[in-house]
N, C-alpha and C. Protein backbone atom coordinates (compact mmCIF):
# COMPACT_ATOMS: atom_id res chain seq x y z
N MET A 1 26.20 23.28 -3.74
CA MET A 1 26.42 22.20 -4.83
C MET A 1 26.55 20.92 -4.17
N VAL A 2 26.01 19.73 -4.73
CA VAL A 2 25.86 18.58 -4.14
C VAL A 2 27.26 17.85 -4.65
N SER A 3 27.94 17.09 -3.71
CA SER A 3 29.14 16.40 -4.02
C SER A 3 28.49 15.27 -5.04
N LYS A 4 29.34 14.97 -5.93
CA LYS A 4 29.14 13.96 -6.94
C LYS A 4 29.31 12.46 -6.34
N LYS A 5 29.71 12.28 -5.22
CA LYS A 5 29.71 10.84 -4.50
C LYS A 5 28.56 10.78 -3.44
N MET A 6 27.52 11.44 -3.38
CA MET A 6 26.98 11.53 -2.53
C MET A 6 25.76 10.15 -2.17
N VAL A 7 25.95 9.43 -3.55
CA VAL A 7 24.86 8.58 -3.57
C VAL A 7 25.76 7.20 -3.73
N ALA A 8 25.10 6.08 -2.99
CA ALA A 8 26.11 4.69 -3.60
C ALA A 8 25.04 3.92 -4.11
N VAL A 9 25.38 3.31 -5.01
CA VAL A 9 24.53 2.10 -5.61
C VAL A 9 25.24 0.75 -5.47
N VAL A 10 24.68 0.05 -4.69
CA VAL A 10 25.11 -1.41 -4.47
C VAL A 10 24.21 -2.24 -4.85
N MET A 11 24.84 -3.22 -5.45
CA MET A 11 24.32 -4.41 -6.00
C MET A 11 24.63 -5.71 -5.16
N GLY A 12 23.67 -6.87 -5.34
CA GLY A 12 23.93 -7.98 -5.01
C GLY A 12 25.12 -8.80 -5.62
N SER A 13 24.97 -8.70 -7.12
CA SER A 13 25.72 -9.42 -8.06
C SER A 13 26.22 -8.61 -9.25
N ASP A 14 26.98 -9.16 -10.07
CA ASP A 14 27.56 -8.19 -11.15
C ASP A 14 26.54 -8.35 -12.04
N SER A 15 25.82 -9.31 -12.18
CA SER A 15 24.72 -9.59 -13.27
C SER A 15 23.58 -8.62 -13.14
N ASP A 16 23.32 -8.00 -11.94
CA ASP A 16 22.40 -6.83 -11.70
C ASP A 16 22.77 -5.43 -12.39
N MET A 17 23.80 -5.53 -13.00
CA MET A 17 24.22 -4.33 -13.58
C MET A 17 23.48 -3.66 -14.84
N GLY A 18 22.98 -4.89 -15.34
CA GLY A 18 22.31 -4.32 -16.73
C GLY A 18 21.04 -3.52 -16.20
N VAL A 19 20.31 -3.82 -15.10
CA VAL A 19 19.21 -3.50 -14.69
C VAL A 19 19.56 -1.67 -13.89
N MET A 20 20.52 -1.91 -13.27
CA MET A 20 20.90 -0.95 -12.34
C MET A 20 21.99 0.28 -12.97
N GLN A 21 22.13 -0.21 -14.15
CA GLN A 21 22.86 1.31 -15.29
C GLN A 21 21.66 2.12 -15.53
N SER A 22 20.52 2.06 -15.51
CA SER A 22 19.48 2.91 -15.53
C SER A 22 19.27 3.99 -14.64
N CYS A 23 19.54 3.34 -13.12
CA CYS A 23 19.97 4.20 -12.12
C CYS A 23 21.11 5.01 -12.11
N ILE A 24 22.20 4.65 -12.49
CA ILE A 24 23.53 5.04 -12.61
C ILE A 24 23.23 6.11 -13.60
N ASP A 25 22.73 5.90 -14.63
CA ASP A 25 22.41 6.93 -15.86
C ASP A 25 21.58 8.16 -15.35
N GLN A 26 20.46 7.64 -14.71
CA GLN A 26 19.41 8.70 -14.32
C GLN A 26 20.28 10.07 -13.28
N LEU A 27 21.08 9.29 -12.38
CA LEU A 27 21.75 9.92 -11.48
C LEU A 27 23.04 10.99 -12.18
N ALA A 28 23.45 10.39 -13.25
CA ALA A 28 24.15 10.98 -13.95
C ALA A 28 23.68 12.18 -15.13
N CYS A 29 22.35 12.21 -15.30
CA CYS A 29 21.63 13.53 -15.91
C CYS A 29 21.55 14.39 -14.71
N PHE A 30 21.53 14.08 -13.67
CA PHE A 30 21.95 15.37 -12.59
C PHE A 30 23.45 15.73 -11.96
N ASP A 31 24.15 15.27 -12.85
CA ASP A 31 25.56 15.23 -12.47
C ASP A 31 25.98 14.64 -11.28
N ILE A 32 25.44 13.48 -10.85
CA ILE A 32 25.60 12.95 -9.72
C ILE A 32 26.42 11.57 -10.37
N GLU A 33 27.71 11.47 -9.70
CA GLU A 33 28.52 10.18 -10.04
C GLU A 33 28.43 9.32 -8.81
N PRO A 34 27.69 8.12 -8.61
CA PRO A 34 27.49 7.30 -7.51
C PRO A 34 28.81 6.61 -7.18
N VAL A 35 29.06 6.14 -6.15
CA VAL A 35 29.99 5.05 -5.63
C VAL A 35 29.00 3.67 -6.08
N VAL A 36 29.82 2.96 -6.78
CA VAL A 36 29.10 1.81 -7.27
C VAL A 36 29.99 0.53 -6.71
N ARG A 37 29.02 -0.30 -6.00
CA ARG A 37 29.68 -1.42 -5.54
C ARG A 37 28.99 -2.59 -5.78
N ILE A 38 29.52 -3.91 -5.81
CA ILE A 38 28.86 -5.17 -5.87
C ILE A 38 29.25 -5.89 -4.54
N LEU A 39 28.14 -5.95 -3.53
CA LEU A 39 28.54 -6.40 -2.25
C LEU A 39 26.96 -7.43 -1.77
N SER A 40 27.58 -8.36 -1.53
CA SER A 40 26.31 -9.71 -1.08
C SER A 40 26.02 -9.65 0.61
N ALA A 41 24.79 -9.68 0.84
CA ALA A 41 24.31 -9.71 2.35
C ALA A 41 24.76 -11.17 2.74
N HIS A 42 24.95 -12.19 1.77
CA HIS A 42 25.25 -13.56 2.11
C HIS A 42 26.46 -13.83 1.68
N ARG A 43 27.06 -13.41 0.69
CA ARG A 43 28.44 -13.97 0.31
C ARG A 43 29.47 -12.95 0.74
N THR A 44 29.09 -11.76 1.08
CA THR A 44 30.35 -10.79 1.59
C THR A 44 29.76 -10.06 2.75
N PRO A 45 29.17 -10.77 3.63
CA PRO A 45 28.26 -9.95 4.82
C PRO A 45 29.21 -9.00 5.75
N GLN A 46 30.43 -9.27 5.83
CA GLN A 46 31.36 -8.17 6.85
C GLN A 46 31.53 -7.35 5.87
N ILE A 47 31.77 -7.43 4.53
CA ILE A 47 32.29 -6.19 3.79
C ILE A 47 31.02 -5.31 3.61
N ALA A 48 29.90 -5.92 3.22
CA ALA A 48 28.58 -5.03 3.37
C ALA A 48 28.38 -4.23 4.41
N ALA A 49 28.49 -5.09 5.61
CA ALA A 49 28.42 -4.39 6.96
C ALA A 49 29.24 -3.20 7.21
N ASP A 50 30.70 -3.55 6.83
CA ASP A 50 31.56 -2.37 6.82
C ASP A 50 31.21 -1.35 5.98
N PHE A 51 30.77 -1.54 4.89
CA PHE A 51 30.54 -0.40 3.95
C PHE A 51 29.33 0.63 4.35
N ALA A 52 28.37 -0.28 4.63
CA ALA A 52 27.14 0.54 5.70
C ALA A 52 27.61 1.34 7.07
N GLN A 53 28.39 0.75 7.48
CA GLN A 53 28.88 1.46 8.64
C GLN A 53 29.62 2.78 8.56
N ASN A 54 30.55 2.59 7.44
CA ASN A 54 31.24 3.75 6.84
C ASN A 54 30.84 4.84 6.09
N ALA A 55 29.77 4.34 5.50
CA ALA A 55 29.15 5.15 4.36
C ALA A 55 29.04 6.61 4.55
N ALA A 56 28.40 6.94 5.88
CA ALA A 56 28.26 8.41 6.19
C ALA A 56 29.50 9.08 6.26
N GLN A 57 30.46 8.53 6.87
CA GLN A 57 31.85 9.44 7.25
C GLN A 57 32.75 9.62 5.97
N ASN A 58 32.15 8.72 4.80
CA ASN A 58 32.67 8.73 3.46
C ASN A 58 31.97 9.52 2.59
N GLY A 59 31.08 10.42 3.40
CA GLY A 59 30.26 11.46 2.41
C GLY A 59 28.89 10.99 1.71
N ILE A 60 28.72 9.61 1.77
CA ILE A 60 27.37 9.12 1.21
C ILE A 60 26.36 9.62 2.02
N LYS A 61 25.32 10.09 1.55
CA LYS A 61 24.09 10.55 1.95
C LYS A 61 23.01 9.69 1.89
N VAL A 62 22.83 8.80 0.97
CA VAL A 62 21.69 7.86 0.27
C VAL A 62 22.08 6.53 -0.15
N ILE A 63 21.76 5.14 0.30
CA ILE A 63 22.26 4.40 -0.29
C ILE A 63 20.99 3.49 -1.11
N ILE A 64 21.48 3.18 -2.37
CA ILE A 64 20.36 2.64 -3.11
C ILE A 64 20.95 1.23 -3.30
N ALA A 65 20.03 -0.09 -2.88
CA ALA A 65 20.56 -1.35 -2.87
C ALA A 65 19.73 -2.36 -3.57
N ALA A 66 20.29 -3.02 -4.62
CA ALA A 66 19.38 -3.63 -5.51
C ALA A 66 19.72 -5.05 -5.21
N ALA A 67 18.67 -5.99 -5.33
CA ALA A 67 19.12 -7.39 -5.17
C ALA A 67 17.90 -8.14 -5.78
N GLY A 68 17.97 -9.36 -5.86
CA GLY A 68 17.10 -10.20 -6.50
C GLY A 68 16.56 -11.44 -5.28
N MET A 69 15.90 -12.22 -5.79
CA MET A 69 15.69 -13.48 -4.70
C MET A 69 15.19 -13.06 -3.20
N ALA A 70 15.93 -13.76 -2.43
CA ALA A 70 15.81 -13.12 -1.12
C ALA A 70 15.80 -11.61 -0.72
N ALA A 71 16.65 -10.92 -1.67
CA ALA A 71 16.83 -9.47 -1.52
C ALA A 71 17.12 -9.02 -0.05
N HIS A 72 18.12 -9.54 1.03
CA HIS A 72 18.32 -9.09 1.90
C HIS A 72 19.35 -7.91 2.09
N LEU A 73 19.89 -7.47 0.76
CA LEU A 73 20.76 -6.43 0.71
C LEU A 73 20.29 -5.09 1.40
N ALA A 74 19.20 -4.66 1.18
CA ALA A 74 18.94 -3.22 1.43
C ALA A 74 18.38 -3.31 3.17
N GLY A 75 18.07 -4.40 3.51
CA GLY A 75 17.77 -4.62 4.87
C GLY A 75 19.03 -4.71 5.74
N ALA A 76 20.25 -5.63 5.10
CA ALA A 76 21.28 -5.71 5.97
C ALA A 76 21.91 -4.20 5.90
N LEU A 77 21.80 -3.38 4.93
CA LEU A 77 22.83 -2.38 5.03
C LEU A 77 22.01 -1.27 5.86
N ALA A 78 20.42 -1.52 6.04
CA ALA A 78 19.84 -0.41 6.58
C ALA A 78 19.99 -0.78 8.30
N ALA A 79 20.15 -1.81 8.75
CA ALA A 79 20.68 -2.53 10.07
C ALA A 79 21.88 -1.94 10.29
N ARG A 80 22.76 -1.20 9.58
CA ARG A 80 24.13 -0.88 9.87
C ARG A 80 24.23 0.70 9.99
N THR A 81 23.27 1.14 9.56
CA THR A 81 23.52 2.74 9.03
C THR A 81 22.01 3.33 9.53
N THR A 82 22.27 4.78 9.53
CA THR A 82 21.04 5.55 9.84
C THR A 82 20.79 6.56 8.17
N LEU A 83 21.61 6.14 7.42
CA LEU A 83 21.16 6.76 6.21
C LEU A 83 20.10 6.09 5.63
N PRO A 84 19.41 6.87 4.59
CA PRO A 84 18.30 6.52 4.07
C PRO A 84 18.65 5.33 2.74
N ILE A 85 17.98 4.27 2.94
CA ILE A 85 18.41 2.99 2.02
C ILE A 85 17.26 2.91 1.18
N ILE A 86 17.15 2.85 -0.10
CA ILE A 86 16.25 2.48 -1.05
C ILE A 86 16.61 1.18 -1.72
N GLY A 87 15.55 0.48 -1.63
CA GLY A 87 15.60 -0.82 -2.30
C GLY A 87 15.11 -1.07 -3.64
N VAL A 88 15.76 -1.76 -4.43
CA VAL A 88 15.26 -1.84 -5.81
C VAL A 88 15.45 -3.31 -5.79
N PRO A 89 13.93 -4.26 -5.85
CA PRO A 89 14.08 -5.53 -6.08
C PRO A 89 14.18 -6.12 -7.66
N LEU A 90 14.84 -6.93 -7.79
CA LEU A 90 15.19 -7.18 -9.12
C LEU A 90 14.62 -9.00 -9.34
N ASP A 91 14.21 -9.02 -10.74
CA ASP A 91 13.78 -10.20 -11.06
C ASP A 91 15.11 -11.32 -11.34
N SER A 92 15.17 -12.23 -10.50
CA SER A 92 16.40 -13.54 -10.48
C SER A 92 15.94 -14.38 -11.61
N GLY A 93 15.04 -14.27 -12.20
CA GLY A 93 14.79 -15.29 -13.26
C GLY A 93 14.36 -16.72 -12.66
N ALA A 94 13.85 -16.72 -11.41
CA ALA A 94 13.40 -18.10 -10.82
C ALA A 94 11.81 -18.05 -11.07
N GLY A 95 11.36 -17.29 -11.94
CA GLY A 95 10.10 -17.88 -12.18
C GLY A 95 9.09 -17.15 -11.45
N LEU A 96 9.57 -16.15 -10.43
CA LEU A 96 8.60 -15.32 -9.73
C LEU A 96 8.49 -13.91 -10.12
N GLY A 97 8.96 -13.76 -11.09
CA GLY A 97 8.82 -12.22 -11.69
C GLY A 97 9.57 -11.03 -10.68
N GLY A 98 10.49 -11.31 -9.78
CA GLY A 98 10.67 -10.23 -9.09
C GLY A 98 9.85 -10.38 -7.57
N MET A 99 8.82 -10.86 -7.63
CA MET A 99 7.89 -10.69 -6.29
C MET A 99 8.63 -11.13 -5.23
N ASP A 100 9.33 -12.17 -5.10
CA ASP A 100 10.12 -12.84 -4.04
C ASP A 100 10.99 -11.63 -3.63
N ALA A 101 11.68 -10.62 -4.40
CA ALA A 101 12.51 -9.87 -3.77
C ALA A 101 11.84 -8.87 -3.58
N LEU A 102 10.74 -8.42 -4.14
CA LEU A 102 9.89 -7.20 -3.73
C LEU A 102 9.32 -7.48 -2.25
N LEU A 103 8.84 -8.63 -1.92
CA LEU A 103 8.40 -8.59 -0.65
C LEU A 103 9.33 -8.73 0.21
N SER A 104 10.79 -9.50 -0.23
CA SER A 104 11.60 -9.35 0.96
C SER A 104 12.15 -7.91 1.09
N THR A 105 12.09 -7.05 0.21
CA THR A 105 12.57 -5.59 0.15
C THR A 105 11.57 -4.80 1.25
N VAL A 106 10.20 -5.18 0.96
CA VAL A 106 9.00 -4.49 1.71
C VAL A 106 8.90 -4.85 3.06
N GLN A 107 9.11 -6.04 3.35
CA GLN A 107 8.46 -6.68 4.41
C GLN A 107 9.70 -6.62 5.37
N MET A 108 10.15 -5.09 5.94
CA MET A 108 11.09 -4.95 7.07
C MET A 108 10.68 -4.90 8.49
N PRO A 109 11.45 -5.19 9.56
CA PRO A 109 11.03 -5.34 10.52
C PRO A 109 10.84 -3.73 11.17
N PRO A 110 9.90 -3.58 12.02
CA PRO A 110 9.83 -2.10 12.71
C PRO A 110 11.35 -1.65 13.11
N GLY A 111 11.62 -0.70 12.88
CA GLY A 111 12.76 0.00 13.11
C GLY A 111 14.07 -0.04 12.34
N VAL A 112 13.95 -0.78 11.04
CA VAL A 112 14.67 -1.18 10.17
C VAL A 112 14.14 -0.58 8.66
N PRO A 113 13.87 0.85 8.53
CA PRO A 113 13.07 1.02 7.70
C PRO A 113 14.06 0.84 6.19
N VAL A 114 13.30 0.61 5.01
CA VAL A 114 14.03 0.50 3.78
C VAL A 114 12.69 1.17 2.60
N ALA A 115 12.92 2.04 1.92
CA ALA A 115 12.06 2.53 1.00
C ALA A 115 12.20 1.48 -0.19
N SER A 116 11.23 1.22 -0.51
CA SER A 116 11.04 -0.03 -1.63
C SER A 116 10.59 0.69 -3.09
N MET A 117 11.38 0.47 -4.03
CA MET A 117 10.90 0.99 -5.10
C MET A 117 10.42 -0.14 -6.15
N GLY A 118 9.76 -0.07 -7.59
CA GLY A 118 9.32 -1.17 -8.24
C GLY A 118 10.21 -1.95 -8.64
N ILE A 119 10.04 -3.27 -9.15
CA ILE A 119 10.77 -4.21 -9.65
C ILE A 119 11.57 -3.87 -10.95
N GLY A 120 12.79 -4.01 -10.84
CA GLY A 120 13.53 -3.73 -12.17
C GLY A 120 13.69 -2.31 -12.68
N LYS A 121 13.93 -2.11 -13.98
CA LYS A 121 14.47 -0.72 -14.47
C LYS A 121 13.74 0.20 -14.04
N ALA A 122 12.47 0.25 -14.15
CA ALA A 122 11.60 1.46 -13.72
C ALA A 122 12.02 1.62 -12.29
N GLY A 123 12.07 0.68 -11.51
CA GLY A 123 12.20 0.89 -9.85
C GLY A 123 13.85 1.34 -9.92
N ALA A 124 14.58 0.93 -10.74
CA ALA A 124 15.88 1.64 -10.51
C ALA A 124 16.05 2.97 -10.98
N LYS A 125 15.16 3.51 -12.01
CA LYS A 125 15.10 4.76 -12.26
C LYS A 125 14.43 5.61 -11.11
N ASN A 126 13.68 4.99 -10.48
CA ASN A 126 12.65 5.97 -9.51
C ASN A 126 13.78 5.73 -8.39
N ALA A 127 14.40 4.75 -8.12
CA ALA A 127 15.44 5.00 -6.93
C ALA A 127 16.34 6.18 -7.01
N ALA A 128 16.99 6.20 -8.08
CA ALA A 128 17.66 7.49 -8.29
C ALA A 128 17.21 8.76 -8.09
N LEU A 129 15.76 8.72 -8.80
CA LEU A 129 15.43 9.99 -8.69
C LEU A 129 14.51 10.23 -7.19
N PHE A 130 14.27 9.13 -6.36
CA PHE A 130 13.99 9.28 -4.90
C PHE A 130 15.28 9.93 -4.02
N ALA A 131 16.56 9.28 -4.50
CA ALA A 131 17.77 9.46 -3.85
C ALA A 131 17.89 11.06 -4.01
N LEU A 132 17.66 11.74 -5.43
CA LEU A 132 17.87 13.11 -5.71
C LEU A 132 16.73 13.80 -5.00
N GLN A 133 15.72 13.30 -4.79
CA GLN A 133 14.57 14.28 -3.97
C GLN A 133 15.03 14.54 -2.72
N ILE A 134 15.72 13.31 -2.14
CA ILE A 134 16.29 13.30 -0.70
C ILE A 134 17.51 14.49 -0.47
N LEU A 135 18.43 14.37 -1.76
CA LEU A 135 19.37 15.12 -1.52
C LEU A 135 18.94 16.79 -1.78
N ALA A 136 17.81 16.78 -2.88
CA ALA A 136 17.37 18.21 -2.91
C ALA A 136 16.51 18.98 -1.82
N LEU A 137 16.31 18.14 -0.72
CA LEU A 137 16.00 18.95 0.69
C LEU A 137 17.16 19.98 1.09
N SER A 138 18.23 19.71 0.99
CA SER A 138 19.34 20.81 1.25
C SER A 138 20.15 20.93 0.13
N ASP A 139 19.51 20.91 -1.16
CA ASP A 139 20.09 21.85 -2.21
C ASP A 139 19.18 22.44 -3.08
N GLU A 140 19.11 23.71 -3.23
CA GLU A 140 18.29 24.57 -4.19
C GLU A 140 18.70 24.35 -5.35
N MET A 141 19.72 24.24 -5.93
CA MET A 141 19.94 23.87 -7.38
C MET A 141 19.36 22.60 -7.77
N LEU A 142 19.61 21.57 -6.97
CA LEU A 142 19.25 20.18 -7.32
C LEU A 142 17.70 20.23 -7.41
N ARG A 143 17.11 20.89 -6.50
CA ARG A 143 15.64 21.02 -6.51
C ARG A 143 15.03 21.67 -7.74
N LYS A 144 15.79 22.73 -8.14
CA LYS A 144 15.53 23.42 -9.53
C LYS A 144 15.54 22.46 -10.50
N LYS A 145 16.62 21.67 -10.78
CA LYS A 145 16.73 20.50 -11.73
C LYS A 145 15.65 19.47 -11.68
N LEU A 146 15.33 19.17 -10.34
CA LEU A 146 14.25 18.28 -10.60
C LEU A 146 12.70 18.82 -10.93
N ALA A 147 12.66 20.13 -10.53
CA ALA A 147 11.63 20.63 -11.02
C ALA A 147 11.46 20.81 -12.73
N GLU A 148 12.77 21.22 -13.27
CA GLU A 148 12.65 21.14 -14.62
C GLU A 148 12.33 19.65 -15.28
N PHE A 149 13.25 18.63 -14.62
CA PHE A 149 12.87 17.59 -14.97
C PHE A 149 11.50 16.99 -14.98
N LYS A 150 10.38 17.41 -14.25
CA LYS A 150 9.32 17.10 -14.18
C LYS A 150 8.27 17.82 -15.09
N LYS A 151 8.96 19.22 -15.23
CA LYS A 151 8.21 19.77 -16.45
C LYS A 151 8.66 19.36 -17.87
N THR A 152 9.57 18.81 -17.93
CA THR A 152 9.82 18.09 -19.33
C THR A 152 9.23 16.88 -19.56
N GLN A 153 9.03 16.11 -18.38
CA GLN A 153 8.18 14.79 -18.32
C GLN A 153 6.69 15.27 -18.81
N GLU A 154 6.21 16.26 -18.29
CA GLU A 154 5.06 16.66 -18.71
C GLU A 154 4.74 17.17 -20.14
N LYS A 155 5.74 17.89 -20.52
CA LYS A 155 5.63 18.37 -21.95
C LYS A 155 5.78 17.27 -22.85
N LYS A 156 6.59 16.25 -22.67
CA LYS A 156 6.86 14.93 -23.49
C LYS A 156 5.25 14.19 -23.75
N VAL A 157 4.70 14.26 -22.61
CA VAL A 157 3.21 13.57 -22.26
C VAL A 157 2.33 14.41 -23.32
N ILE A 158 2.17 15.68 -22.88
CA ILE A 158 1.23 16.49 -23.95
C ILE A 158 1.56 16.68 -25.23
N GLU A 159 2.97 16.50 -25.51
CA GLU A 159 3.35 16.28 -26.99
C GLU A 159 2.92 14.98 -27.78
N LYS A 160 3.06 14.32 -27.03
CA LYS A 160 2.45 12.64 -27.52
C LYS A 160 0.91 12.77 -27.79
N ASP A 161 0.39 13.48 -26.55
CA ASP A 161 -1.07 13.21 -26.71
C ASP A 161 -1.63 14.13 -27.84
N ALA A 162 -0.98 15.20 -28.13
CA ALA A 162 -1.16 16.10 -29.08
C ALA A 162 -1.23 15.31 -30.55
N ALA A 163 -0.40 14.53 -30.75
CA ALA A 163 0.17 13.94 -31.83
C ALA A 163 -0.79 12.72 -32.33
N LEU A 164 -1.60 12.67 -31.17
CA LEU A 164 -2.60 11.34 -31.57
C LEU A 164 -3.77 11.73 -32.17
């Protein structure tokens, strides 16, 4: 059985919670209650570094990091841990539609990998599902729940198609 606190959802600002709630909710659908923190690569760099360095010994297996603009959070955490980091780029409202954050999240130097999801709520939900897939590698029950989830998604599409 997966521990409820095996995933951390970290965001650069409290204003990111509106988007990241979809990530937290998706994890909850699988009975995962994440550790949720607001940490900034720029405003709280030492606290963010300490969090990443201690995450594994605190039982965390995967970190989901969301940030907008320069989006350095995922990379800053990845530099301090060997845990998988999943980046969620966010639209900061700066008129770039989140492309600045996407490129900052995707363009990591060799040796500092960050898995990057799409921009915004869809990316947040997919980050949760990707984290669950990582955890399912060593948890048969979670693997079965994910298979059921995919079957349910398929069924919904087929039902909508039949209704046309």
